């Protein structure tokens, strides 16, 4: 019998980045401390997204991608290019007229199938 081996992905092994490998408890503490620190920042900002906006947008891979936003029934709410997020964390789309549309809920589709 042969045991299947997981593919070796160097990015998947913590030992590639740290020696010795940190203990699970230490990693959990670090993650929880980070979450708590972010929660306190969010709370101090009146539960607004503004303090995180710049960091979020620096990682936004879909900027300028054309998209369609629909509701749960499939009705189109907005179409346009992704431009970022606002201080409340709403998606910003630039529509065909050049206006910014703020989207707080909906299904985002990057490719729209044509009938």
PDB file of N, CA and C in Angstrom:
ATOM      1  N   UNK A   1       0.829  -1.187   0.000  1.00  0.00           N
ATOM      2  CA  UNK A   1       0.000   0.000   0.000  1.00  0.00           C
ATOM      3  C   UNK A   1       0.874   1.252   0.000  1.00  0.00           C
ATOM      4  N   UNK A   2       0.453   2.203  -0.801  1.00  0.00           N
ATOM      5  CA  UNK A   2       1.174   3.466  -0.880  1.00  0.00           C
ATOM      6  C   UNK A   2       0.340   4.565  -0.250  1.00  0.00           C
ATOM      7  N   UNK A   3       0.953   5.352   0.596  1.00  0.00           N
ATOM      8  CA  UNK A   3       0.267   6.478   1.227  1.00  0.00           C
ATOM      9  C   UNK A   3       0.462   7.700   0.355  1.00  0.00           C
ATOM     10  N   UNK A   4      -0.649   8.347   0.003  1.00  0.00           N
ATOM     11  CA  UNK A   4      -0.567   9.556  -0.832  1.00  0.00           C
ATOM     12  C   UNK A   4       0.087  10.676  -0.039  1.00  0.00           C
ATOM     13  N   UNK A   5       1.004  11.350  -0.664  1.00  0.00           N
ATOM     14  CA  UNK A   5       1.704  12.475  -0.035  1.00  0.00           C
ATOM     15  C   UNK A   5       1.099  13.792  -0.526  1.00  0.00           C
ATOM     16  N   UNK A   6       0.958  14.737   0.374  1.00  0.00           N
ATOM     17  CA  UNK A   6       0.503  16.067  -0.016  1.00  0.00           C
ATOM     18  C   UNK A   6       1.603  16.716  -0.842  1.00  0.00           C
ATOM     19  N   UNK A   7       1.234  17.492  -1.840  1.00  0.00           N
ATOM     20  CA  UNK A   7       2.253  18.180  -2.632  1.00  0.00           C
ATOM     21  C   UNK A   7       3.073  19.107  -1.736  1.00  0.00           C
ATOM     22  N   UNK A   8       4.345  19.203  -2.015  1.00  0.00           N
ATOM     23  CA  UNK A   8       5.226  20.054  -1.215  1.00  0.00           C
ATOM     24  C   UNK A   8       5.134  21.488  -1.721  1.00  0.00           C
ATOM     25  N   UNK A   9       4.511  22.333  -0.912  1.00  0.00           N
ATOM     26  CA  UNK A   9       4.409  23.758  -1.220  1.00  0.00           C
ATOM     27  C   UNK A   9       5.176  24.491  -0.135  1.00  0.00           C
ATOM     28  N   UNK A  10       6.342  25.049  -0.455  1.00  0.00           N
ATOM     29  CA  UNK A  10       7.161  25.682   0.585  1.00  0.00           C
ATOM     30  C   UNK A  10       6.420  26.750   1.371  1.00  0.00           C
ATOM     31  N   UNK A  11       5.471  27.433   0.759  1.00  0.00           N
ATOM     32  CA  UNK A  11       4.741  28.482   1.453  1.00  0.00           C
ATOM     33  C   UNK A  11       3.768  27.906   2.484  1.00  0.00           C
ATOM     34  N   UNK A  12       3.544  26.605   2.437  1.00  0.00           N
ATOM     35  CA  UNK A  12       2.571  25.989   3.337  1.00  0.00           C
ATOM     36  C   UNK A  12       3.201  25.525   4.640  1.00  0.00           C
ATOM     37  N   UNK A  13       4.501  25.612   4.773  1.00  0.00           N
ATOM     38  CA  UNK A  13       5.176  25.102   5.953  1.00  0.00           C
ATOM     39  C   UNK A  13       5.788  26.247   6.762  1.00  0.00           C
ATOM     40  N   UNK A  14       5.320  26.391   7.993  1.00  0.00           N
ATOM     41  CA  UNK A  14       5.809  27.454   8.856  1.00  0.00           C
ATOM     42  C   UNK A  14       7.302  27.303   9.117  1.00  0.00           C
ATOM     43  N   UNK A  15       7.795  26.095   9.099  1.00  0.00           N
ATOM     44  CA  UNK A  15       9.215  25.861   9.359  1.00  0.00           C
ATOM     45  C   UNK A  15      10.099  26.537   8.308  1.00  0.00           C
ATOM     46  N   UNK A  16       9.547  26.873   7.166  1.00  0.00           N
ATOM     47  CA  UNK A  16      10.307  27.575   6.135  1.00  0.00           C
ATOM     48  C   UNK A  16      10.588  29.022   6.531  1.00  0.00           C
ATOM     49  N   UNK A  17       9.768  29.559   7.443  1.00  0.00           N
ATOM     50  CA  UNK A  17       9.875  30.967   7.798  1.00  0.00           C
ATOM     51  C   UNK A  17      10.411  31.191   9.201  1.00  0.00           C
ATOM     52  N   UNK A  18      10.373  30.175  10.044  1.00  0.00           N
ATOM     53  CA  UNK A  18      10.747  30.351  11.434  1.00  0.00           C
ATOM     54  C   UNK A  18      11.405  29.082  11.964  1.00  0.00           C
ATOM     55  N   UNK A  19      12.502  29.268  12.670  1.00  0.00           N
ATOM     56  CA  UNK A  19      13.152  28.135  13.284  1.00  0.00           C
ATOM     57  C   UNK A  19      13.545  28.538  14.694  1.00  0.00           C
ATOM     58  N   UNK A  20      13.139  27.854  15.712  1.00  0.00           N
ATOM     59  CA  UNK A  20      12.245  26.703  15.677  1.00  0.00           C
ATOM     60  C   UNK A  20      10.811  27.126  15.361  1.00  0.00           C
ATOM     61  N   UNK A  21      10.002  26.172  14.997  1.00  0.00           N
ATOM     62  CA  UNK A  21       8.600  26.438  14.679  1.00  0.00           C
ATOM     63  C   UNK A  21       7.886  26.891  15.954  1.00  0.00           C
ATOM     64  N   UNK A  22       7.152  28.015  15.888  1.00  0.00           N
ATOM     65  CA  UNK A  22       6.437  28.489  17.084  1.00  0.00           C
ATOM     66  C   UNK A  22       5.387  27.480  17.546  1.00  0.00           C
ATOM     67  N   UNK A  23       5.110  27.504  18.834  1.00  0.00           N
ATOM     68  CA  UNK A  23       4.087  26.619  19.391  1.00  0.00           C
ATOM     69  C   UNK A  23       2.712  27.133  18.990  1.00  0.00           C
ATOM     70  N   UNK A  24       1.774  26.202  18.871  1.00  0.00           N
ATOM     71  CA  UNK A  24       0.409  26.541  18.487  1.00  0.00           C
ATOM     72  C   UNK A  24      -0.201  27.552  19.449  1.00  0.00           C
ATOM     73  N   UNK A  25       0.039  27.381  20.738  1.00  0.00           N
ATOM     74  CA  UNK A  25      -0.521  28.313  21.721  1.00  0.00           C
ATOM     75  C   UNK A  25      -0.021  29.732  21.468  1.00  0.00           C
ATOM     76  N   UNK A  26       1.262  29.882  21.194  1.00  0.00           N
ATOM     77  CA  UNK A  26       1.834  31.204  20.922  1.00  0.00           C
ATOM     78  C   UNK A  26       1.198  31.813  19.673  1.00  0.00           C
ATOM     79  N   UNK A  27       1.041  31.000  18.618  1.00  0.00           N
ATOM     80  CA  UNK A  27       0.409  31.502  17.392  1.00  0.00           C
ATOM     81  C   UNK A  27      -1.019  31.953  17.647  1.00  0.00           C
ATOM     82  N   UNK A  28      -1.771  31.166  18.421  1.00  0.00           N
ATOM     83  CA  UNK A  28      -3.152  31.523  18.746  1.00  0.00           C
ATOM     84  C   UNK A  28      -3.197  32.828  19.537  1.00  0.00           C
ATOM     85  N   UNK A  29      -2.302  32.986  20.498  1.00  0.00           N
ATOM     86  CA  UNK A  29      -2.250  34.222  21.287  1.00  0.00           C
ATOM     87  C   UNK A  29      -1.967  35.425  20.399  1.00  0.00           C
ATOM     88  N   UNK A  30      -1.031  35.273  19.479  1.00  0.00           N
ATOM     89  CA  UNK A  30      -0.685  36.378  18.579  1.00  0.00           C
ATOM     90  C   UNK A  30      -1.874  36.755  17.697  1.00  0.00           C
ATOM     91  N   UNK A  31      -2.571  35.752  17.163  1.00  0.00           N
ATOM     92  CA  UNK A  31      -3.728  36.010  16.308  1.00  0.00           C
ATOM     93  C   UNK A  31      -4.829  36.710  17.101  1.00  0.00           C
ATOM     94  N   UNK A  32      -5.115  36.209  18.307  1.00  0.00           N
ATOM     95  CA  UNK A  32      -6.161  36.813  19.130  1.00  0.00           C
ATOM     96  C   UNK A  32      -5.795  38.227  19.564  1.00  0.00           C
ATOM     97  N   UNK A  33      -4.544  38.460  19.904  1.00  0.00           N
ATOM     98  CA  UNK A  33      -4.106  39.810  20.274  1.00  0.00           C
ATOM     99  C   UNK A  33      -4.260  40.777  19.103  1.00  0.00           C
ATOM    100  N   UNK A  34      -3.955  40.316  17.907  1.00  0.00           N
ATOM    101  CA  UNK A  34      -4.109  41.149  16.714  1.00  0.00           C
ATOM    102  C   UNK A  34      -5.578  41.473  16.449  1.00  0.00           C
ATOM    103  N   UNK A  35      -6.427  40.464  16.586  1.00  0.00           N
ATOM    104  CA  UNK A  35      -7.865  40.680  16.391  1.00  0.00           C
ATOM    105  C   UNK A  35      -8.392  41.663  17.437  1.00  0.00           C
ATOM    106  N   UNK A  36      -7.974  41.502  18.676  1.00  0.00           N
ATOM    107  CA  UNK A  36      -8.419  42.390  19.744  1.00  0.00           C
ATOM    108  C   UNK A  36      -7.946  43.825  19.509  1.00  0.00           C
ATOM    109  N   UNK A  37      -6.711  43.999  19.084  1.00  0.00           N
ATOM    110  CA  UNK A  37      -6.188  45.337  18.795  1.00  0.00           C
ATOM    111  C   UNK A  37      -6.991  45.993  17.669  1.00  0.00           C
ATOM    112  N   UNK A  38      -7.290  45.226  16.632  1.00  0.00           N
ATOM    113  CA  UNK A  38      -8.092  45.756  15.520  1.00  0.00           C
ATOM    114  C   UNK A  38      -9.501  46.088  15.979  1.00  0.00           C
ATOM    115  N   UNK A  39     -10.062  45.261  16.832  1.00  0.00           N
ATOM    116  CA  UNK A  39     -11.404  45.530  17.363  1.00  0.00           C
ATOM    117  C   UNK A  39     -11.419  46.841  18.146  1.00  0.00           C
ATOM    118  N   UNK A  40     -10.394  47.055  18.951  1.00  0.00           N
ATOM    119  CA  UNK A  40     -10.324  48.297  19.738  1.00  0.00           C
ATOM    120  C   UNK A  40     -10.212  49.522  18.837  1.00  0.00           C
ATOM    121  N   UNK A  41      -9.449  49.417  17.767  1.00  0.00           N
ATOM    122  CA  UNK A  41      -9.337  50.530  16.800  1.00  0.00           C
ATOM    123  C   UNK A  41     -10.699  50.781  16.169  1.00  0.00           C
ATOM    124  N   UNK A  42     -11.367  49.725  15.747  1.00  0.00           N
ATOM    125  CA  UNK A  42     -12.688  49.821  15.122  1.00  0.00           C
ATOM    126  C   UNK A  42     -13.693  50.441  16.094  1.00  0.00           C
ATOM    127  N   UNK A  43     -13.660  49.990  17.337  1.00  0.00           N
ATOM    128  CA  UNK A  43     -14.561  50.503  18.370  1.00  0.00           C
ATOM    129  C   UNK A  43     -14.307  52.000  18.609  1.00  0.00           C
ATOM    130  N   UNK A  44     -13.042  52.393  18.738  1.00  0.00           N
ATOM    131  CA  UNK A  44     -12.686  53.793  18.977  1.00  0.00           C
ATOM    132  C   UNK A  44     -13.098  54.688  17.813  1.00  0.00           C
ATOM    133  N   UNK A  45     -13.171  54.117  16.618  1.00  0.00           N
ATOM    134  CA  UNK A  45     -13.564  54.875  15.422  1.00  0.00           C
ATOM    135  C   UNK A  45     -15.076  54.891  15.243  1.00  0.00           C
ATOM    136  N   UNK A  46     -15.811  54.493  16.259  1.00  0.00           N
ATOM    137  CA  UNK A  46     -17.268  54.485  16.147  1.00  0.00           C
ATOM    138  C   UNK A  46     -17.778  53.378  15.260  1.00  0.00           C
ATOM    139  N   UNK A  47     -17.051  52.257  15.234  1.00  0.00           N
ATOM    140  CA  UNK A  47     -17.412  51.081  14.429  1.00  0.00           C
ATOM    141  C   UNK A  47     -17.443  51.406  12.941  1.00  0.00           C
ATOM    142  N   UNK A  48     -16.538  52.265  12.517  1.00  0.00           N
ATOM    143  CA  UNK A  48     -16.414  52.601  11.101  1.00  0.00           C
ATOM    144  C   UNK A  48     -15.161  51.943  10.542  1.00  0.00           C
ATOM    145  N   UNK A  49     -15.160  51.753   9.261  1.00  0.00           N
ATOM    146  CA  UNK A  49     -14.086  51.069   8.552  1.00  0.00           C
ATOM    147  C   UNK A  49     -12.893  51.992   8.265  1.00  0.00           C
ATOM    148  N   UNK A  50     -13.080  53.287   8.428  1.00  0.00           N
ATOM    149  CA  UNK A  50     -12.097  54.286   8.008  1.00  0.00           C
ATOM    150  C   UNK A  50     -10.650  53.990   8.415  1.00  0.00           C
ATOM    151  N   UNK A  51     -10.368  53.566   9.657  1.00  0.00           N
ATOM    152  CA  UNK A  51      -8.965  53.338  10.020  1.00  0.00           C
ATOM    153  C   UNK A  51      -8.292  52.204   9.238  1.00  0.00           C
ATOM    154  N   UNK A  52      -9.087  51.337   8.633  1.00  0.00           N
ATOM    155  CA  UNK A  52      -8.542  50.177   7.919  1.00  0.00           C
ATOM    156  C   UNK A  52      -8.539  50.372   6.398  1.00  0.00           C
ATOM    157  N   UNK A  53      -9.156  51.436   5.955  1.00  0.00           N
ATOM    158  CA  UNK A  53      -9.381  51.641   4.517  1.00  0.00           C
ATOM    159  C   UNK A  53      -8.082  51.640   3.702  1.00  0.00           C
ATOM    160  N   UNK A  54      -7.098  52.394   4.124  1.00  0.00           N
ATOM    161  CA  UNK A  54      -5.860  52.496   3.350  1.00  0.00           C
ATOM    162  C   UNK A  54      -5.172  51.136   3.208  1.00  0.00           C
ATOM    163  N   UNK A  55      -5.056  50.394   4.308  1.00  0.00           N
ATOM    164  CA  UNK A  55      -4.430  49.070   4.242  1.00  0.00           C
ATOM    165  C   UNK A  55      -5.234  48.136   3.345  1.00  0.00           C
ATOM    166  N   UNK A  56      -6.566  48.178   3.475  1.00  0.00           N
ATOM    167  CA  UNK A  56      -7.428  47.325   2.660  1.00  0.00           C
ATOM    168  C   UNK A  56      -7.240  47.644   1.185  1.00  0.00           C
ATOM    169  N   UNK A  57      -7.284  48.922   0.855  1.00  0.00           N
ATOM    170  CA  UNK A  57      -7.168  49.307  -0.553  1.00  0.00           C
ATOM    171  C   UNK A  57      -5.788  49.009  -1.137  1.00  0.00           C
ATOM    172  N   UNK A  58      -4.757  48.996  -0.291  1.00  0.00           N
ATOM    173  CA  UNK A  58      -3.418  48.676  -0.800  1.00  0.00           C
ATOM    174  C   UNK A  58      -3.323  47.220  -1.249  1.00  0.00           C
ATOM    175  N   UNK A  59      -4.259  46.389  -0.775  1.00  0.00           N
ATOM    176  CA  UNK A  59      -4.286  44.971  -1.136  1.00  0.00           C
ATOM    177  C   UNK A  59      -5.413  44.635  -2.115  1.00  0.00           C
ATOM    178  N   UNK A  60      -6.140  45.635  -2.578  1.00  0.00           N
ATOM    179  CA  UNK A  60      -7.311  45.413  -3.424  1.00  0.00           C
ATOM    180  C   UNK A  60      -6.882  44.977  -4.827  1.00  0.00           C
ATOM    181  N   UNK A  61      -7.000  43.700  -5.092  1.00  0.00           N
ATOM    182  CA  UNK A  61      -6.550  43.128  -6.364  1.00  0.00           C
ATOM    183  C   UNK A  61      -7.527  43.383  -7.505  1.00  0.00           C
ATOM    184  N   UNK A  62      -8.763  43.727  -7.199  1.00  0.00           N
ATOM    185  CA  UNK A  62      -9.784  43.864  -8.245  1.00  0.00           C
ATOM    186  C   UNK A  62     -10.056  45.307  -8.650  1.00  0.00           C
ATOM    187  N   UNK A  63      -9.192  46.237  -8.254  1.00  0.00           N
ATOM    188  CA  UNK A  63      -9.366  47.630  -8.656  1.00  0.00           C
ATOM    189  C   UNK A  63      -9.420  47.726 -10.187  1.00  0.00           C
ATOM    190  N   UNK A  64     -10.359  48.489 -10.673  1.00  0.00           N
ATOM    191  CA  UNK A  64     -10.577  48.753 -12.107  1.00  0.00           C
ATOM    192  C   UNK A  64     -11.184  47.581 -12.874  1.00  0.00           C
ATOM    193  N   UNK A  65     -11.559  46.525 -12.192  1.00  0.00           N
ATOM    194  CA  UNK A  65     -12.195  45.378 -12.850  1.00  0.00           C
ATOM    195  C   UNK A  65     -13.685  45.671 -13.015  1.00  0.00           C
ATOM    196  N   UNK A  66     -14.198  45.441 -14.210  1.00  0.00           N
ATOM    197  CA  UNK A  66     -15.631  45.622 -14.468  1.00  0.00           C
ATOM    198  C   UNK A  66     -16.414  44.540 -13.754  1.00  0.00           C
ATOM    199  N   UNK A  67     -17.522  44.941 -13.154  1.00  0.00           N
ATOM    200  CA  UNK A  67     -18.318  44.008 -12.371  1.00  0.00           C
ATOM    201  C   UNK A  67     -19.791  44.361 -12.430  1.00  0.00           C
ATOM    202  N   UNK A  68     -20.598  43.399 -12.053  1.00  0.00           N
ATOM    203  CA  UNK A  68     -22.039  43.569 -11.939  1.00  0.00           C
ATOM    204  C   UNK A  68     -22.413  43.175 -10.520  1.00  0.00           C
ATOM    205  N   UNK A  69     -23.268  43.976  -9.874  1.00  0.00           N
ATOM    206  CA  UNK A  69     -23.749  43.660  -8.528  1.00  0.00           C
ATOM    207  C   UNK A  69     -25.245  43.408  -8.623  1.00  0.00           C
ATOM    208  N   UNK A  70     -25.678  42.247  -8.119  1.00  0.00           N
ATOM    209  CA  UNK A  70     -27.083  41.838  -8.179  1.00  0.00           C
ATOM    210  C   UNK A  70     -27.610  41.562  -6.785  1.00  0.00           C
ATOM    211  N   UNK A  71     -28.940  41.590  -6.654  1.00  0.00           N
ATOM    212  CA  UNK A  71     -29.553  41.193  -5.385  1.00  0.00           C
ATOM    213  C   UNK A  71     -29.843  39.700  -5.424  1.00  0.00           C
ATOM    214  N   UNK A  72     -30.482  39.186  -4.375  1.00  0.00           N
ATOM    215  CA  UNK A  72     -30.721  37.747  -4.269  1.00  0.00           C
ATOM    216  C   UNK A  72     -31.695  37.218  -5.329  1.00  0.00           C
ATOM    217  N   UNK A  73     -32.479  38.097  -5.932  1.00  0.00           N
ATOM    218  CA  UNK A  73     -33.401  37.684  -7.000  1.00  0.00           C
ATOM    219  C   UNK A  73     -32.758  37.750  -8.385  1.00  0.00           C
ATOM    220  N   UNK A  74     -31.529  38.260  -8.438  1.00  0.00           N
ATOM    221  CA  UNK A  74     -30.841  38.369  -9.710  1.00  0.00           C
ATOM    222  C   UNK A  74     -31.005  39.712 -10.390  1.00  0.00           C
ATOM    223  N   UNK A  75     -31.727  40.637  -9.755  1.00  0.00           N
ATOM    224  CA  UNK A  75     -31.888  41.980 -10.320  1.00  0.00           C
ATOM    225  C   UNK A  75     -30.565  42.732 -10.219  1.00  0.00           C
ATOM    226  N   UNK A  76     -30.159  43.389 -11.293  1.00  0.00           N
ATOM    227  CA  UNK A  76     -28.908  44.147 -11.300  1.00  0.00           C
ATOM    228  C   UNK A  76     -29.090  45.429 -10.484  1.00  0.00           C
ATOM    229  N   UNK A  77     -28.231  45.615  -9.486  1.00  0.00           N
ATOM    230  CA  UNK A  77     -28.242  46.808  -8.657  1.00  0.00           C
ATOM    231  C   UNK A  77     -27.309  47.880  -9.210  1.00  0.00           C
ATOM    232  N   UNK A  78     -26.184  47.441  -9.773  1.00  0.00           N
ATOM    233  CA  UNK A  78     -25.198  48.377 -10.316  1.00  0.00           C
ATOM    234  C   UNK A  78     -24.240  47.629 -11.217  1.00  0.00           C
ATOM    235  N   UNK A  79     -23.680  48.375 -12.157  1.00  0.00           N
ATOM    236  CA  UNK A  79     -22.630  47.848 -13.041  1.00  0.00           C
ATOM    237  C   UNK A  79     -21.549  48.901 -13.131  1.00  0.00           C
ATOM    238  N   UNK A  80     -20.311  48.468 -13.169  1.00  0.00           N
ATOM    239  CA  UNK A  80     -19.223  49.417 -13.314  1.00  0.00           C
ATOM    240  C   UNK A  80     -17.895  48.824 -12.916  1.00  0.00           C
ATOM    241  N   UNK A  81     -16.900  49.707 -12.862  1.00  0.00           N
ATOM    242  CA  UNK A  81     -15.542  49.294 -12.505  1.00  0.00           C
ATOM    243  C   UNK A  81     -15.320  49.520 -11.014  1.00  0.00           C
ATOM    244  N   UNK A  82     -14.699  48.558 -10.373  1.00  0.00           N
ATOM    245  CA  UNK A  82     -14.388  48.673  -8.952  1.00  0.00           C
ATOM    246  C   UNK A  82     -13.328  49.757  -8.772  1.00  0.00           C
ATOM    247  N   UNK A  83     -13.624  50.705  -7.874  1.00  0.00           N
ATOM    248  CA  UNK A  83     -12.691  51.805  -7.609  1.00  0.00           C
ATOM    249  C   UNK A  83     -12.136  51.779  -6.190  1.00  0.00           C
ATOM    250  N   UNK A  84     -12.721  50.954  -5.325  1.00  0.00           N
ATOM    251  CA  UNK A  84     -12.226  50.866  -3.959  1.00  0.00           C
ATOM    252  C   UNK A  84     -13.364  50.684  -2.989  1.00  0.00           C
ATOM    253  N   UNK A  85     -13.148  51.170  -1.768  1.00  0.00           N
ATOM    254  CA  UNK A  85     -14.159  51.133  -0.714  1.00  0.00           C
ATOM    255  C   UNK A  85     -14.208  52.507  -0.046  1.00  0.00           C
ATOM    256  N   UNK A  86     -15.342  52.812   0.596  1.00  0.00           N
ATOM    257  CA  UNK A  86     -15.443  54.081   1.302  1.00  0.00           C
ATOM    258  C   UNK A  86     -15.137  53.891   2.787  1.00  0.00           C
ATOM    259  N   UNK A  87     -15.282  54.948   3.569  1.00  0.00           N
ATOM    260  CA  UNK A  87     -14.942  54.887   4.996  1.00  0.00           C
ATOM    261  C   UNK A  87     -15.846  53.968   5.798  1.00  0.00           C
ATOM    262  N   UNK A  88     -16.960  53.547   5.223  1.00  0.00           N
ATOM    263  CA  UNK A  88     -17.846  52.599   5.897  1.00  0.00           C
ATOM    264  C   UNK A  88     -17.657  51.181   5.367  1.00  0.00           C
ATOM    265  N   UNK A  89     -16.709  50.977   4.452  1.00  0.00           N
ATOM    266  CA  UNK A  89     -16.429  49.651   3.919  1.00  0.00           C
ATOM    267  C   UNK A  89     -17.307  49.263   2.744  1.00  0.00           C
ATOM    268  N   UNK A  90     -18.082  50.212   2.235  1.00  0.00           N
ATOM    269  CA  UNK A  90     -18.935  49.915   1.076  1.00  0.00           C
ATOM    270  C   UNK A  90     -18.102  49.909  -0.194  1.00  0.00           C
ATOM    271  N   UNK A  91     -18.428  48.984  -1.080  1.00  0.00           N
ATOM    272  CA  UNK A  91     -17.754  48.886  -2.370  1.00  0.00           C
ATOM    273  C   UNK A  91     -18.079  50.106  -3.215  1.00  0.00           C
ATOM    274  N   UNK A  92     -17.071  50.683  -3.855  1.00  0.00           N
ATOM    275  CA  UNK A  92     -17.270  51.825  -4.745  1.00  0.00           C
ATOM    276  C   UNK A  92     -17.131  51.364  -6.187  1.00  0.00           C
ATOM    277  N   UNK A  93     -18.175  51.571  -6.962  1.00  0.00           N
ATOM    278  CA  UNK A  93     -18.153  51.272  -8.398  1.00  0.00           C
ATOM    279  C   UNK A  93     -18.317  52.571  -9.170  1.00  0.00           C
ATOM    280  N   UNK A  94     -17.572  52.699 -10.240  1.00  0.00           N
ATOM    281  CA  UNK A  94     -17.773  53.829 -11.146  1.00  0.00           C
ATOM    282  C   UNK A  94     -18.646  53.341 -12.294  1.00  0.00           C
ATOM    283  N   UNK A  95     -19.833  53.923 -12.429  1.00  0.00           N
ATOM    284  CA  UNK A  95     -20.756  53.475 -13.473  1.00  0.00           C
ATOM    285  C   UNK A  95     -20.416  54.132 -14.814  1.00  0.00           C
ATOM    286  N   UNK A  96     -21.192  53.818 -15.841  1.00  0.00           N
ATOM    287  CA  UNK A  96     -20.925  54.295 -17.199  1.00  0.00           C
ATOM    288  C   UNK A  96     -20.955  55.818 -17.305  1.00  0.00           C
ATOM    289  N   UNK A  97     -21.697  56.490 -16.422  1.00  0.00           N
ATOM    290  CA  UNK A  97     -21.775  57.950 -16.460  1.00  0.00           C
ATOM    291  C   UNK A  97     -20.634  58.611 -15.697  1.00  0.00           C
ATOM    292  N   UNK A  98     -19.782  57.810 -15.039  1.00  0.00           N
ATOM    293  CA  UNK A  98     -18.670  58.348 -14.278  1.00  0.00           C
ATOM    294  C   UNK A  98     -18.998  58.614 -12.814  1.00  0.00           C
ATOM    295  N   UNK A  99     -20.212  58.306 -12.407  1.00  0.00           N
ATOM    296  CA  UNK A  99     -20.614  58.496 -11.012  1.00  0.00           C
ATOM    297  C   UNK A  99     -20.139  57.335 -10.153  1.00  0.00           C
ATOM    298  N   UNK A 100     -19.807  57.637  -8.892  1.00  0.00           N
ATOM    299  CA  UNK A 100     -19.450  56.591  -7.946  1.00  0.00           C
ATOM    300  C   UNK A 100     -20.715  56.089  -7.269  1.00  0.00           C
ATOM    301  N   UNK A 101     -20.905  54.780  -7.307  1.00  0.00           N
ATOM    302  CA  UNK A 101     -22.045  54.130  -6.678  1.00  0.00           C
ATOM    303  C   UNK A 101     -21.518  53.369  -5.474  1.00  0.00           C
ATOM    304  N   UNK A 102     -22.140  53.567  -4.314  1.00  0.00           N
ATOM    305  CA  UNK A 102     -21.738  52.879  -3.091  1.00  0.00           C
ATOM    306  C   UNK A 102     -22.630  51.656  -2.893  1.00  0.00           C
ATOM    307  N   UNK A 103     -21.989  50.493  -2.760  1.00  0.00           N
ATOM    308  CA  UNK A 103     -22.705  49.221  -2.635  1.00  0.00           C
ATOM    309  C   UNK A 103     -22.444  48.645  -1.247  1.00  0.00           C
ATOM    310  N   UNK A 104     -23.519  48.430  -0.490  1.00  0.00           N
ATOM    311  CA  UNK A 104     -23.334  47.855   0.840  1.00  0.00           C
ATOM    312  C   UNK A 104     -23.750  46.394   0.907  1.00  0.00           C
ATOM    313  N   UNK A 105     -24.493  45.921  -0.081  1.00  0.00           N
ATOM    314  CA  UNK A 105     -24.878  44.513  -0.095  1.00  0.00           C
ATOM    315  C   UNK A 105     -25.163  44.090  -1.530  1.00  0.00           C
ATOM    316  N   UNK A 106     -24.958  42.814  -1.817  1.00  0.00           N
ATOM    317  CA  UNK A 106     -25.233  42.295  -3.146  1.00  0.00           C
ATOM    318  C   UNK A 106     -24.232  41.231  -3.541  1.00  0.00           C
ATOM    319  N   UNK A 107     -24.533  40.572  -4.630  1.00  0.00           N
ATOM    320  CA  UNK A 107     -23.644  39.548  -5.178  1.00  0.00           C
ATOM    321  C   UNK A 107     -22.805  40.174  -6.282  1.00  0.00           C
ATOM    322  N   UNK A 108     -21.505  40.100  -6.130  1.00  0.00           N
ATOM    323  CA  UNK A 108     -20.583  40.692  -7.099  1.00  0.00           C
ATOM    324  C   UNK A 108     -20.165  39.624  -8.101  1.00  0.00           C
ATOM    325  N   UNK A 109     -20.358  39.926  -9.372  1.00  0.00           N
ATOM    326  CA  UNK A 109     -19.967  39.018 -10.446  1.00  0.00           C
ATOM    327  C   UNK A 109     -18.942  39.733 -11.317  1.00  0.00           C
ATOM    328  N   UNK A 110     -17.818  39.089 -11.515  1.00  0.00           N
ATOM    329  CA  UNK A 110     -16.757  39.727 -12.310  1.00  0.00           C
ATOM    330  C   UNK A 110     -16.967  39.547 -13.801  1.00  0.00           C
ATOM    331  N   UNK A 111     -17.644  38.511 -14.196  1.00  0.00           N
ATOM    332  CA  UNK A 111     -17.953  38.281 -15.611  1.00  0.00           C
ATOM    333  C   UNK A 111     -19.442  38.037 -15.728  1.00  0.00           C
ATOM    334  N   UNK A 112     -20.054  38.731 -16.631  1.00  0.00           N
ATOM    335  CA  UNK A 112     -21.481  38.541 -16.823  1.00  0.00           C
ATOM    336  C   UNK A 112     -21.682  37.698 -18.074  1.00  0.00           C
ATOM    337  N   UNK A 113     -22.427  36.621 -17.919  1.00  0.00           N
ATOM    338  CA  UNK A 113     -22.713  35.759 -19.056  1.00  0.00           C
ATOM    339  C   UNK A 113     -23.742  36.428 -19.943  1.00  0.00           C
ATOM    340  N   UNK A 114     -23.507  36.362 -21.204  1.00  0.00           N
ATOM    341  CA  UNK A 114     -24.429  36.997 -22.155  1.00  0.00           C
ATOM    342  C   UNK A 114     -25.407  35.942 -22.676  1.00  0.00           C
ATOM    343  N   UNK A 115     -26.651  36.337 -22.804  1.00  0.00           N
ATOM    344  CA  UNK A 115     -27.688  35.417 -23.281  1.00  0.00           C
ATOM    345  C   UNK A 115     -27.602  35.247 -24.780  1.00  0.00           C
TER     346      UNK A 115
END
